[in-house]
Amino acid sequence: MDQTSPRPFLLSRVVLAIATTVVALIGALGFATSALLRGGETAAEAYAREAVTSAGAAAVASVNRTFVQVDSVLAGLPDLLGEVVAVHGDAQPERDAAIARLLGASPTPS
């Protein structure tokens, strides 16, 4: 029985086909994983940029709100000080003139 049978040749072709299919599937899996990771990285970066922009806008709004409050207080301070002096009657021209200079207003006559 020295006759060679075609079965080993057929078996080696089947093994080669299976091995080729396995390699192709592993390659496709690697490509899909790479694409998924790239998409996740892009989405995470976009979310981080949006979060930083939102936090920056909130900080700017808070600072602006504080500036408006301080400006309102400073705008009303000369009138408030004038009322305090009028109520308590302790007008001191030198002090009133110094406060008026600091606030950028003209001193009120006493």
Protein backbone atom coordinates (compact mmCIF):
# COMPACT_ATOMS: atom_id res chain seq x y z
CA MET A 1 0.00 0.00 0.00
CA ASP A 2 2.50 2.48 -1.16
CA GLN A 3 -0.08 4.34 -3.00
CA THR A 4 -0.44 7.94 -1.77
CA SER A 5 -3.98 8.92 -1.07
CA PRO A 6 -5.42 12.39 -1.78
CA ARG A 7 -6.68 12.72 1.80
CA PRO A 8 -3.54 14.32 3.32
CA PHE A 9 -3.59 16.93 0.54
CA LEU A 10 -7.28 17.63 1.21
CA LEU A 11 -6.64 17.78 4.96
CA SER A 12 -3.81 20.29 4.52
CA ARG A 13 -6.07 22.50 2.37
CA VAL A 14 -8.79 22.45 5.04
CA VAL A 15 -6.26 23.37 7.73
CA LEU A 16 -4.92 26.16 5.52
CA ALA A 17 -8.45 27.51 4.90
CA ILE A 18 -9.26 27.45 8.62
CA ALA A 19 -5.97 29.15 9.50
CA THR A 20 -6.56 31.83 6.85
CA THR A 21 -10.09 32.42 8.14
CA VAL A 22 -8.85 32.69 11.75
CA VAL A 23 -6.15 35.19 10.73
CA ALA A 24 -8.71 37.23 8.75
CA LEU A 25 -11.14 37.25 11.68
CA ILE A 26 -8.41 38.32 14.12
CA GLY A 27 -7.38 41.10 11.71
CA ALA A 28 -10.99 42.28 11.38
CA LEU A 29 -11.38 42.19 15.16
CA GLY A 30 -8.20 44.27 15.59
CA PHE A 31 -9.38 46.81 13.02
CA ALA A 32 -12.82 47.10 14.66
CA THR A 33 -11.26 47.49 18.11
CA SER A 34 -8.94 50.20 16.82
CA ALA A 35 -11.85 52.07 15.21
CA LEU A 36 -13.91 51.79 18.41
CA LEU A 37 -11.07 53.10 20.57
CA ARG A 38 -10.41 55.96 18.16
CA GLY A 39 -14.10 56.93 18.26
CA GLY A 40 -14.15 56.75 22.06
CA GLU A 41 -11.07 58.91 22.32
CA THR A 42 -12.57 61.52 19.99
CA ALA A 43 -15.83 61.56 21.96
CA ALA A 44 -14.00 61.87 25.29
CA GLU A 45 -11.91 64.76 23.99
CA ALA A 46 -15.00 66.55 22.68
CA TYR A 47 -16.75 66.08 26.03
CA ALA A 48 -13.71 67.40 27.92
CA ARG A 49 -13.51 70.48 25.68
CA GLU A 50 -17.22 71.15 26.23
CA ALA A 51 -16.83 70.77 30.01
CA VAL A 52 -13.88 73.19 30.08
CA THR A 53 -15.76 75.71 27.95
CA SER A 54 -18.80 75.45 30.21
CA ALA A 55 -16.70 75.86 33.37
CA GLY A 56 -14.94 78.88 31.84
CA ALA A 57 -18.26 80.48 30.93
CA ALA A 58 -19.54 79.93 34.48
CA ALA A 59 -16.40 81.51 35.94
CA VAL A 60 -16.68 84.52 33.63
CA ALA A 61 -20.34 84.98 34.55
CA SER A 62 -19.52 84.79 38.26
CA VAL A 63 -16.72 87.35 37.99
CA ASN A 64 -18.91 89.67 35.92
CA ARG A 65 -21.73 89.37 38.45
CA THR A 66 -19.30 90.26 41.24
CA PHE A 67 -18.00 93.28 39.30
CA VAL A 68 -21.56 94.52 38.75
CA GLN A 69 -22.32 94.15 42.47
CA VAL A 70 -19.16 96.03 43.47
CA ASP A 71 -19.88 98.72 40.88
CA SER A 72 -23.40 99.14 42.26
CA VAL A 73 -22.11 99.46 45.80
CA LEU A 74 -19.47 101.98 44.79
CA ALA A 75 -21.97 103.99 42.75
CA GLY A 76 -24.31 104.33 45.73
CA LEU A 77 -21.61 104.93 48.34
CA PRO A 78 -21.41 108.76 48.07
CA ASP A 79 -25.18 109.08 48.56
CA LEU A 80 -25.06 106.59 51.44
CA LEU A 81 -22.23 108.45 53.15
CA GLY A 82 -24.02 111.75 52.63
CA GLU A 83 -27.12 110.34 54.34
CA VAL A 84 -25.05 109.06 57.28
CA VAL A 85 -23.48 112.47 57.75
CA ALA A 86 -26.86 114.19 57.45
CA VAL A 87 -28.47 111.87 60.01
CA HIS A 88 -25.68 111.90 62.58
CA GLY A 89 -24.63 115.49 61.99
CA ASP A 90 -20.95 114.77 62.43
CA ALA A 91 -19.76 116.44 59.25
CA GLN A 92 -16.01 116.83 59.05
CA PRO A 93 -15.06 118.76 55.90
CA GLU A 94 -11.51 117.36 55.66
CA ARG A 95 -12.67 113.74 56.01
CA ASP A 96 -15.62 114.28 53.65
CA ALA A 97 -13.34 115.85 51.03
CA ALA A 98 -10.85 112.95 51.31
CA ILE A 99 -13.63 110.36 50.91
CA ALA A 100 -15.04 112.27 47.96
CA ARG A 101 -11.61 112.37 46.31
CA LEU A 102 -11.22 108.61 46.79
CA LEU A 103 -14.62 107.97 45.27
CA GLY A 104 -14.10 110.44 42.43
CA ALA A 105 -17.01 112.65 43.44
CA SER A 106 -17.11 116.30 44.38
CA PRO A 107 -17.37 116.94 48.11
CA THR A 108 -20.80 117.77 49.44
CA PRO A 109 -21.09 121.22 50.98
CA SER A 110 -21.57 121.17 54.72
